[in-house]
């Protein structure tokens, strides 16, 4: 859960109350799921995130692992 919040906080900068409008998040969703995400509104965004929560959970686990590896590399 903390990984999800941390990732969201970093990626949604400037769009934290409306993540569907973030150019970076739309780009990540386009590369992750394919398709055009420019017409993504609040309802479609929440529906997509809920529907794909299992895949996103895996992505967040991968992100947490990358952060751990990166942190370990800095402490050497």
PDB file of N, CA and C in Angstrom:
ATOM      1  N   UNK A   1       0.822  -1.196   0.000  1.00  0.00           N
ATOM      2  CA  UNK A   1       0.000   0.000   0.000  1.00  0.00           C
ATOM      3  C   UNK A   1       0.870   1.265   0.000  1.00  0.00           C
ATOM      4  N   UNK A   2       1.918   1.251   0.807  1.00  0.00           N
ATOM      5  CA  UNK A   2       2.797   2.417   0.841  1.00  0.00           C
ATOM      6  C   UNK A   2       3.494   2.643  -0.494  1.00  0.00           C
ATOM      7  N   UNK A   3       3.819   1.556  -1.185  1.00  0.00           N
ATOM      8  CA  UNK A   3       4.433   1.694  -2.508  1.00  0.00           C
ATOM      9  C   UNK A   3       3.470   2.383  -3.465  1.00  0.00           C
ATOM     10  N   UNK A   4       2.199   1.996  -3.412  1.00  0.00           N
ATOM     11  CA  UNK A   4       1.187   2.604  -4.288  1.00  0.00           C
ATOM     12  C   UNK A   4       1.060   4.096  -4.004  1.00  0.00           C
ATOM     13  N   UNK A   5       1.019   4.448  -2.740  1.00  0.00           N
ATOM     14  CA  UNK A   5       0.893   5.861  -2.368  1.00  0.00           C
ATOM     15  C   UNK A   5       2.139   6.638  -2.781  1.00  0.00           C
ATOM     16  N   UNK A   6       3.305   6.055  -2.542  1.00  0.00           N
ATOM     17  CA  UNK A   6       4.551   6.731  -2.914  1.00  0.00           C
ATOM     18  C   UNK A   6       4.640   6.929  -4.430  1.00  0.00           C
ATOM     19  N   UNK A   7       4.320   5.880  -5.180  1.00  0.00           N
ATOM     20  CA  UNK A   7       4.361   5.977  -6.639  1.00  0.00           C
ATOM     21  C   UNK A   7       3.371   7.039  -7.130  1.00  0.00           C
ATOM     22  N   UNK A   8       2.161   7.014  -6.569  1.00  0.00           N
ATOM     23  CA  UNK A   8       1.149   7.993  -6.961  1.00  0.00           C
ATOM     24  C   UNK A   8       1.621   9.408  -6.644  1.00  0.00           C
ATOM     25  N   UNK A   9       2.171   9.611  -5.452  1.00  0.00           N
ATOM     26  CA  UNK A   9       2.601  10.938  -5.031  1.00  0.00           C
ATOM     27  C   UNK A   9       3.669  11.496  -5.966  1.00  0.00           C
ATOM     28  N   UNK A  10       4.573  10.630  -6.392  1.00  0.00           N
ATOM     29  CA  UNK A  10       5.648  11.061  -7.289  1.00  0.00           C
ATOM     30  C   UNK A  10       5.116  11.331  -8.697  1.00  0.00           C
ATOM     31  N   UNK A  11       4.312  10.413  -9.227  1.00  0.00           N
ATOM     32  CA  UNK A  11       3.885  10.530 -10.626  1.00  0.00           C
ATOM     33  C   UNK A  11       2.749  11.520 -10.851  1.00  0.00           C
ATOM     34  N   UNK A  12       1.967  11.808  -9.838  1.00  0.00           N
ATOM     35  CA  UNK A  12       0.809  12.682 -10.021  1.00  0.00           C
ATOM     36  C   UNK A  12       1.084  14.131  -9.621  1.00  0.00           C
ATOM     37  N   UNK A  13       2.345  14.480  -9.464  1.00  0.00           N
ATOM     38  CA  UNK A  13       2.682  15.837  -9.056  1.00  0.00           C
ATOM     39  C   UNK A  13       2.018  16.858  -9.979  1.00  0.00           C
ATOM     40  N   UNK A  14       1.294  17.771  -9.365  1.00  0.00           N
ATOM     41  CA  UNK A  14       0.569  18.794 -10.123  1.00  0.00           C
ATOM     42  C   UNK A  14      -0.828  18.349 -10.538  1.00  0.00           C
ATOM     43  N   UNK A  15      -1.120  17.060 -10.399  1.00  0.00           N
ATOM     44  CA  UNK A  15      -2.421  16.517 -10.802  1.00  0.00           C
ATOM     45  C   UNK A  15      -2.964  15.566  -9.734  1.00  0.00           C
ATOM     46  N   UNK A  16      -2.584  15.758  -8.494  1.00  0.00           N
ATOM     47  CA  UNK A  16      -2.913  14.791  -7.439  1.00  0.00           C
ATOM     48  C   UNK A  16      -4.401  14.635  -7.196  1.00  0.00           C
ATOM     49  N   UNK A  17      -5.177  15.667  -7.416  1.00  0.00           N
ATOM     50  CA  UNK A  17      -6.628  15.556  -7.226  1.00  0.00           C
ATOM     51  C   UNK A  17      -7.352  15.154  -8.501  1.00  0.00           C
ATOM     52  N   UNK A  18      -6.636  15.092  -9.604  1.00  0.00           N
ATOM     53  CA  UNK A  18      -7.220  14.674 -10.888  1.00  0.00           C
ATOM     54  C   UNK A  18      -6.163  13.938 -11.723  1.00  0.00           C
ATOM     55  N   UNK A  19      -5.809  12.740 -11.304  1.00  0.00           N
ATOM     56  CA  UNK A  19      -4.729  11.993 -11.968  1.00  0.00           C
ATOM     57  C   UNK A  19      -5.016  11.648 -13.425  1.00  0.00           C
ATOM     58  N   UNK A  20      -6.267  11.558 -13.816  1.00  0.00           N
ATOM     59  CA  UNK A  20      -6.614  11.251 -15.207  1.00  0.00           C
ATOM     60  C   UNK A  20      -6.185  12.366 -16.149  1.00  0.00           C
ATOM     61  N   UNK A  21      -5.897  13.567 -15.633  1.00  0.00           N
ATOM     62  CA  UNK A  21      -5.471  14.688 -16.470  1.00  0.00           C
ATOM     63  C   UNK A  21      -3.942  14.791 -16.577  1.00  0.00           C
ATOM     64  N   UNK A  22      -3.230  13.985 -15.824  1.00  0.00           N
ATOM     65  CA  UNK A  22      -1.771  14.041 -15.821  1.00  0.00           C
ATOM     66  C   UNK A  22      -1.212  13.480 -17.127  1.00  0.00           C
ATOM     67  N   UNK A  23      -0.413  14.265 -17.845  1.00  0.00           N
ATOM     68  CA  UNK A  23       0.194  13.752 -19.081  1.00  0.00           C
ATOM     69  C   UNK A  23       1.079  12.531 -18.822  1.00  0.00           C
ATOM     70  N   UNK A  24       1.798  12.544 -17.704  1.00  0.00           N
ATOM     71  CA  UNK A  24       2.683  11.415 -17.400  1.00  0.00           C
ATOM     72  C   UNK A  24       1.875  10.144 -17.113  1.00  0.00           C
ATOM     73  N   UNK A  25       0.842  10.262 -16.305  1.00  0.00           N
ATOM     74  CA  UNK A  25       0.032   9.074 -15.984  1.00  0.00           C
ATOM     75  C   UNK A  25      -0.678   8.568 -17.226  1.00  0.00           C
ATOM     76  N   UNK A  26      -1.183   9.472 -18.052  1.00  0.00           N
ATOM     77  CA  UNK A  26      -1.815   9.025 -19.306  1.00  0.00           C
ATOM     78  C   UNK A  26      -0.810   8.300 -20.186  1.00  0.00           C
ATOM     79  N   UNK A  27       0.402   8.817 -20.280  1.00  0.00           N
ATOM     80  CA  UNK A  27       1.446   8.161 -21.075  1.00  0.00           C
ATOM     81  C   UNK A  27       1.762   6.781 -20.508  1.00  0.00           C
ATOM     82  N   UNK A  28       1.896   6.672 -19.170  1.00  0.00           N
ATOM     83  CA  UNK A  28       2.188   5.377 -18.551  1.00  0.00           C
ATOM     84  C   UNK A  28       1.049   4.391 -18.835  1.00  0.00           C
ATOM     85  N   UNK A  29      -0.190   4.844 -18.745  1.00  0.00           N
ATOM     86  CA  UNK A  29      -1.333   3.967 -19.021  1.00  0.00           C
ATOM     87  C   UNK A  29      -1.347   3.535 -20.484  1.00  0.00           C
ATOM     88  N   UNK A  30      -1.001   4.454 -21.383  1.00  0.00           N
ATOM     89  CA  UNK A  30      -0.946   4.105 -22.810  1.00  0.00           C
ATOM     90  C   UNK A  30       0.115   3.053 -23.074  1.00  0.00           C
ATOM     91  N   UNK A  31       1.286   3.198 -22.451  1.00  0.00           N
ATOM     92  CA  UNK A  31       2.350   2.215 -22.681  1.00  0.00           C
ATOM     93  C   UNK A  31       2.065   0.909 -21.966  1.00  0.00           C
ATOM     94  N   UNK A  32       1.362   0.960 -20.859  1.00  0.00           N
ATOM     95  CA  UNK A  32       1.065  -0.240 -20.078  1.00  0.00           C
ATOM     96  C   UNK A  32      -0.088  -1.032 -20.687  1.00  0.00           C
ATOM     97  N   UNK A  33      -1.168  -0.333 -21.087  1.00  0.00           N
ATOM     98  CA  UNK A  33      -2.367  -1.001 -21.591  1.00  0.00           C
ATOM     99  C   UNK A  33      -2.562  -0.874 -23.091  1.00  0.00           C
ATOM    100  N   UNK A  34      -1.876   0.084 -23.716  1.00  0.00           N
ATOM    101  CA  UNK A  34      -2.100   0.334 -25.125  1.00  0.00           C
ATOM    102  C   UNK A  34      -3.315   1.228 -25.308  1.00  0.00           C
ATOM    103  N   UNK A  35      -3.475   1.755 -26.484  1.00  0.00           N
ATOM    104  CA  UNK A  35      -4.635   2.596 -26.755  1.00  0.00           C
ATOM    105  C   UNK A  35      -4.407   4.050 -26.386  1.00  0.00           C
ATOM    106  N   UNK A  36      -5.376   4.873 -26.700  1.00  0.00           N
ATOM    107  CA  UNK A  36      -5.312   6.310 -26.463  1.00  0.00           C
ATOM    108  C   UNK A  36      -6.001   6.640 -25.145  1.00  0.00           C
ATOM    109  N   UNK A  37      -5.293   7.287 -24.257  1.00  0.00           N
ATOM    110  CA  UNK A  37      -5.855   7.620 -22.951  1.00  0.00           C
ATOM    111  C   UNK A  37      -6.195   9.105 -22.820  1.00  0.00           C
ATOM    112  N   UNK A  38      -6.150   9.854 -23.926  1.00  0.00           N
ATOM    113  CA  UNK A  38      -6.435  11.282 -23.844  1.00  0.00           C
ATOM    114  C   UNK A  38      -7.905  11.578 -23.571  1.00  0.00           C
ATOM    115  N   UNK A  39      -8.791  10.668 -23.907  1.00  0.00           N
ATOM    116  CA  UNK A  39     -10.214  10.872 -23.660  1.00  0.00           C
ATOM    117  C   UNK A  39     -10.641  10.287 -22.311  1.00  0.00           C
ATOM    118  N   UNK A  40      -9.678   9.940 -21.494  1.00  0.00           N
ATOM    119  CA  UNK A  40      -9.948   9.307 -20.215  1.00  0.00           C
ATOM    120  C   UNK A  40     -10.453  10.340 -19.214  1.00  0.00           C
ATOM    121  N   UNK A  41     -11.677  10.154 -18.742  1.00  0.00           N
ATOM    122  CA  UNK A  41     -12.248  11.027 -17.726  1.00  0.00           C
ATOM    123  C   UNK A  41     -12.203  10.345 -16.369  1.00  0.00           C
ATOM    124  N   UNK A  42     -12.726  10.998 -15.355  1.00  0.00           N
ATOM    125  CA  UNK A  42     -12.664  10.437 -14.001  1.00  0.00           C
ATOM    126  C   UNK A  42     -13.304   9.049 -13.878  1.00  0.00           C
ATOM    127  N   UNK A  43     -14.498   8.880 -14.419  1.00  0.00           N
ATOM    128  CA  UNK A  43     -15.205   7.596 -14.284  1.00  0.00           C
ATOM    129  C   UNK A  43     -14.458   6.482 -15.025  1.00  0.00           C
ATOM    130  N   UNK A  44     -14.015   6.759 -16.241  1.00  0.00           N
ATOM    131  CA  UNK A  44     -13.280   5.756 -17.014  1.00  0.00           C
ATOM    132  C   UNK A  44     -11.940   5.424 -16.353  1.00  0.00           C
ATOM    133  N   UNK A  45     -11.299   6.436 -15.781  1.00  0.00           N
ATOM    134  CA  UNK A  45     -10.025   6.232 -15.099  1.00  0.00           C
ATOM    135  C   UNK A  45     -10.199   5.272 -13.924  1.00  0.00           C
ATOM    136  N   UNK A  46     -11.174   5.548 -13.078  1.00  0.00           N
ATOM    137  CA  UNK A  46     -11.415   4.698 -11.908  1.00  0.00           C
ATOM    138  C   UNK A  46     -11.799   3.292 -12.351  1.00  0.00           C
ATOM    139  N   UNK A  47     -12.635   3.180 -13.371  1.00  0.00           N
ATOM    140  CA  UNK A  47     -13.041   1.867 -13.887  1.00  0.00           C
ATOM    141  C   UNK A  47     -11.832   1.081 -14.405  1.00  0.00           C
ATOM    142  N   UNK A  48     -10.960   1.752 -15.142  1.00  0.00           N
ATOM    143  CA  UNK A  48      -9.764   1.102 -15.679  1.00  0.00           C
ATOM    144  C   UNK A  48      -8.839   0.638 -14.558  1.00  0.00           C
ATOM    145  N   UNK A  49      -8.595   1.505 -13.599  1.00  0.00           N
ATOM    146  CA  UNK A  49      -7.721   1.161 -12.478  1.00  0.00           C
ATOM    147  C   UNK A  49      -8.314   0.000 -11.685  1.00  0.00           C
ATOM    148  N   UNK A  50      -9.608   0.021 -11.445  1.00  0.00           N
ATOM    149  CA  UNK A  50     -10.246  -1.063 -10.692  1.00  0.00           C
ATOM    150  C   UNK A  50     -10.198  -2.378 -11.472  1.00  0.00           C
ATOM    151  N   UNK A  51     -10.502  -2.308 -12.762  1.00  0.00           N
ATOM    152  CA  UNK A  51     -10.525  -3.514 -13.593  1.00  0.00           C
ATOM    153  C   UNK A  51      -9.143  -4.143 -13.703  1.00  0.00           C
ATOM    154  N   UNK A  52      -8.114  -3.332 -13.765  1.00  0.00           N
ATOM    155  CA  UNK A  52      -6.752  -3.815 -13.964  1.00  0.00           C
ATOM    156  C   UNK A  52      -5.929  -3.811 -12.682  1.00  0.00           C
ATOM    157  N   UNK A  53      -6.581  -3.825 -11.541  1.00  0.00           N
ATOM    158  CA  UNK A  53      -5.878  -3.715 -10.266  1.00  0.00           C
ATOM    159  C   UNK A  53      -4.878  -4.844 -10.035  1.00  0.00           C
ATOM    160  N   UNK A  54      -5.153  -6.038 -10.569  1.00  0.00           N
ATOM    161  CA  UNK A  54      -4.224  -7.151 -10.386  1.00  0.00           C
ATOM    162  C   UNK A  54      -2.911  -6.886 -11.132  1.00  0.00           C
ATOM    163  N   UNK A  55      -3.008  -6.424 -12.371  1.00  0.00           N
ATOM    164  CA  UNK A  55      -1.805  -6.082 -13.138  1.00  0.00           C
ATOM    165  C   UNK A  55      -1.069  -4.917 -12.505  1.00  0.00           C
ATOM    166  N   UNK A  56      -1.804  -3.934 -12.040  1.00  0.00           N
ATOM    167  CA  UNK A  56      -1.177  -2.775 -11.416  1.00  0.00           C
ATOM    168  C   UNK A  56      -0.477  -3.157 -10.120  1.00  0.00           C
ATOM    169  N   UNK A  57      -1.049  -4.102  -9.394  1.00  0.00           N
ATOM    170  CA  UNK A  57      -0.412  -4.586  -8.166  1.00  0.00           C
ATOM    171  C   UNK A  57       0.944  -5.212  -8.497  1.00  0.00           C
ATOM    172  N   UNK A  58       1.009  -5.983  -9.558  1.00  0.00           N
ATOM    173  CA  UNK A  58       2.275  -6.561  -9.999  1.00  0.00           C
ATOM    174  C   UNK A  58       3.274  -5.487 -10.403  1.00  0.00           C
ATOM    175  N   UNK A  59       2.798  -4.463 -11.100  1.00  0.00           N
ATOM    176  CA  UNK A  59       3.661  -3.354 -11.499  1.00  0.00           C
ATOM    177  C   UNK A  59       4.211  -2.632 -10.276  1.00  0.00           C
ATOM    178  N   UNK A  60       3.359  -2.414  -9.275  1.00  0.00           N
ATOM    179  CA  UNK A  60       3.804  -1.736  -8.060  1.00  0.00           C
ATOM    180  C   UNK A  60       4.800  -2.589  -7.283  1.00  0.00           C
ATOM    181  N   UNK A  61       4.639  -3.897  -7.310  1.00  0.00           N
ATOM    182  CA  UNK A  61       5.611  -4.792  -6.662  1.00  0.00           C
ATOM    183  C   UNK A  61       6.955  -4.672  -7.371  1.00  0.00           C
ATOM    184  N   UNK A  62       6.931  -4.631  -8.684  1.00  0.00           N
ATOM    185  CA  UNK A  62       8.160  -4.455  -9.462  1.00  0.00           C
ATOM    186  C   UNK A  62       8.800  -3.108  -9.139  1.00  0.00           C
ATOM    187  N   UNK A  63       7.993  -2.053  -9.048  1.00  0.00           N
ATOM    188  CA  UNK A  63       8.492  -0.723  -8.716  1.00  0.00           C
ATOM    189  C   UNK A  63       9.158  -0.721  -7.347  1.00  0.00           C
ATOM    190  N   UNK A  64       8.527  -1.357  -6.367  1.00  0.00           N
ATOM    191  CA  UNK A  64       9.095  -1.428  -5.016  1.00  0.00           C
ATOM    192  C   UNK A  64      10.439  -2.149  -5.036  1.00  0.00           C
ATOM    193  N   UNK A  65      10.528  -3.209  -5.812  1.00  0.00           N
ATOM    194  CA  UNK A  65      11.785  -3.945  -5.923  1.00  0.00           C
ATOM    195  C   UNK A  65      12.873  -3.073  -6.549  1.00  0.00           C
ATOM    196  N   UNK A  66      12.537  -2.336  -7.585  1.00  0.00           N
ATOM    197  CA  UNK A  66      13.510  -1.437  -8.221  1.00  0.00           C
ATOM    198  C   UNK A  66      13.996  -0.385  -7.231  1.00  0.00           C
ATOM    199  N   UNK A  67      13.068   0.184  -6.436  1.00  0.00           N
ATOM    200  CA  UNK A  67      13.453   1.178  -5.440  1.00  0.00           C
ATOM    201  C   UNK A  67      14.386   0.568  -4.400  1.00  0.00           C
ATOM    202  N   UNK A  68      14.106  -0.683  -3.970  1.00  0.00           N
ATOM    203  CA  UNK A  68      14.973  -1.353  -2.996  1.00  0.00           C
ATOM    204  C   UNK A  68      16.369  -1.560  -3.574  1.00  0.00           C
ATOM    205  N   UNK A  69      16.451  -2.019  -4.803  1.00  0.00           N
ATOM    206  CA  UNK A  69      17.745  -2.234  -5.451  1.00  0.00           C
ATOM    207  C   UNK A  69      18.494  -0.911  -5.592  1.00  0.00           C
ATOM    208  N   UNK A  70      17.787   0.119  -5.998  1.00  0.00           N
ATOM    209  CA  UNK A  70      18.407   1.431  -6.167  1.00  0.00           C
ATOM    210  C   UNK A  70      18.928   1.956  -4.826  1.00  0.00           C
ATOM    211  N   UNK A  71      18.138   1.791  -3.773  1.00  0.00           N
ATOM    212  CA  UNK A  71      18.547   2.247  -2.446  1.00  0.00           C
ATOM    213  C   UNK A  71      19.756   1.465  -1.951  1.00  0.00           C
ATOM    214  N   UNK A  72      19.776   0.162  -2.193  1.00  0.00           N
ATOM    215  CA  UNK A  72      20.907  -0.674  -1.781  1.00  0.00           C
ATOM    216  C   UNK A  72      22.180  -0.262  -2.526  1.00  0.00           C
ATOM    217  N   UNK A  73      22.046   0.106  -3.782  1.00  0.00           N
ATOM    218  CA  UNK A  73      23.200   0.540  -4.570  1.00  0.00           C
ATOM    219  C   UNK A  73      23.793   1.847  -4.068  1.00  0.00           C
ATOM    220  N   UNK A  74      22.942   2.721  -3.550  1.00  0.00           N
ATOM    221  CA  UNK A  74      23.420   4.000  -3.035  1.00  0.00           C
ATOM    222  C   UNK A  74      24.123   3.866  -1.691  1.00  0.00           C
ATOM    223  N   UNK A  75      23.744   2.868  -0.909  1.00  0.00           N
ATOM    224  CA  UNK A  75      24.319   2.716   0.427  1.00  0.00           C
ATOM    225  C   UNK A  75      25.674   2.033   0.419  1.00  0.00           C
ATOM    226  N   UNK A  76      26.121   1.542  -0.712  1.00  0.00           N
ATOM    227  CA  UNK A  76      27.419   0.864  -0.797  1.00  0.00           C
ATOM    228  C   UNK A  76      28.543   1.839  -0.829  1.00  0.00           C
TER     229      UNK A  76
END
